[in-house]
Amino acid sequence: QVQLVESGGGLVQGGDSLRLSCAASGRTSSSYTMGWFRQAPGKEREFVAATVWTGGNTYYAYYADSVKGRFAISRDNAKSTVALQMNNLKPEDTAVYYCAARGHSGYRDIERSLAYDYWGQGTQVTVSS
């Protein structure tokens, strides 16, 4: 089992930055694919970003088109944390943000929420216009 706890959400204005953090514990592994999803009221949970192990100490980052160039995902395996740096926030970024992990590596289906095994409780991000 893997436990995930998000932090760092809050209320900001459009154009501001925010950094989310996800602390993992339990049976974690540096090879696990880690992702961030978000869910706005009345909408389905959607993919935001993922970091995928590609061998050795190399990871590749994937982003949804809506956040590409504004958000950056990173991980610190020594601390078992994954971060999401969000810049130039927009009101449409308002949502509950979830950290997710899946118990294996690889690229397949990384944008599908059903492909992830473990989830955090979520942290609210609200961007005012």
Foldseek 3Di string as FASTA:
>chain_A
DKAKAKDWADEEAAQAKTKMKIAIDDPDDPQKKKFKWWDDPPGDIWGAKIWFDDDDNDIDMDGDPVQPPFWDWDADVVRRMIMIIGGRDDQVVWTWMKMFIAPHGDDPPPGPPVRTDYIYPTDTHGYHD
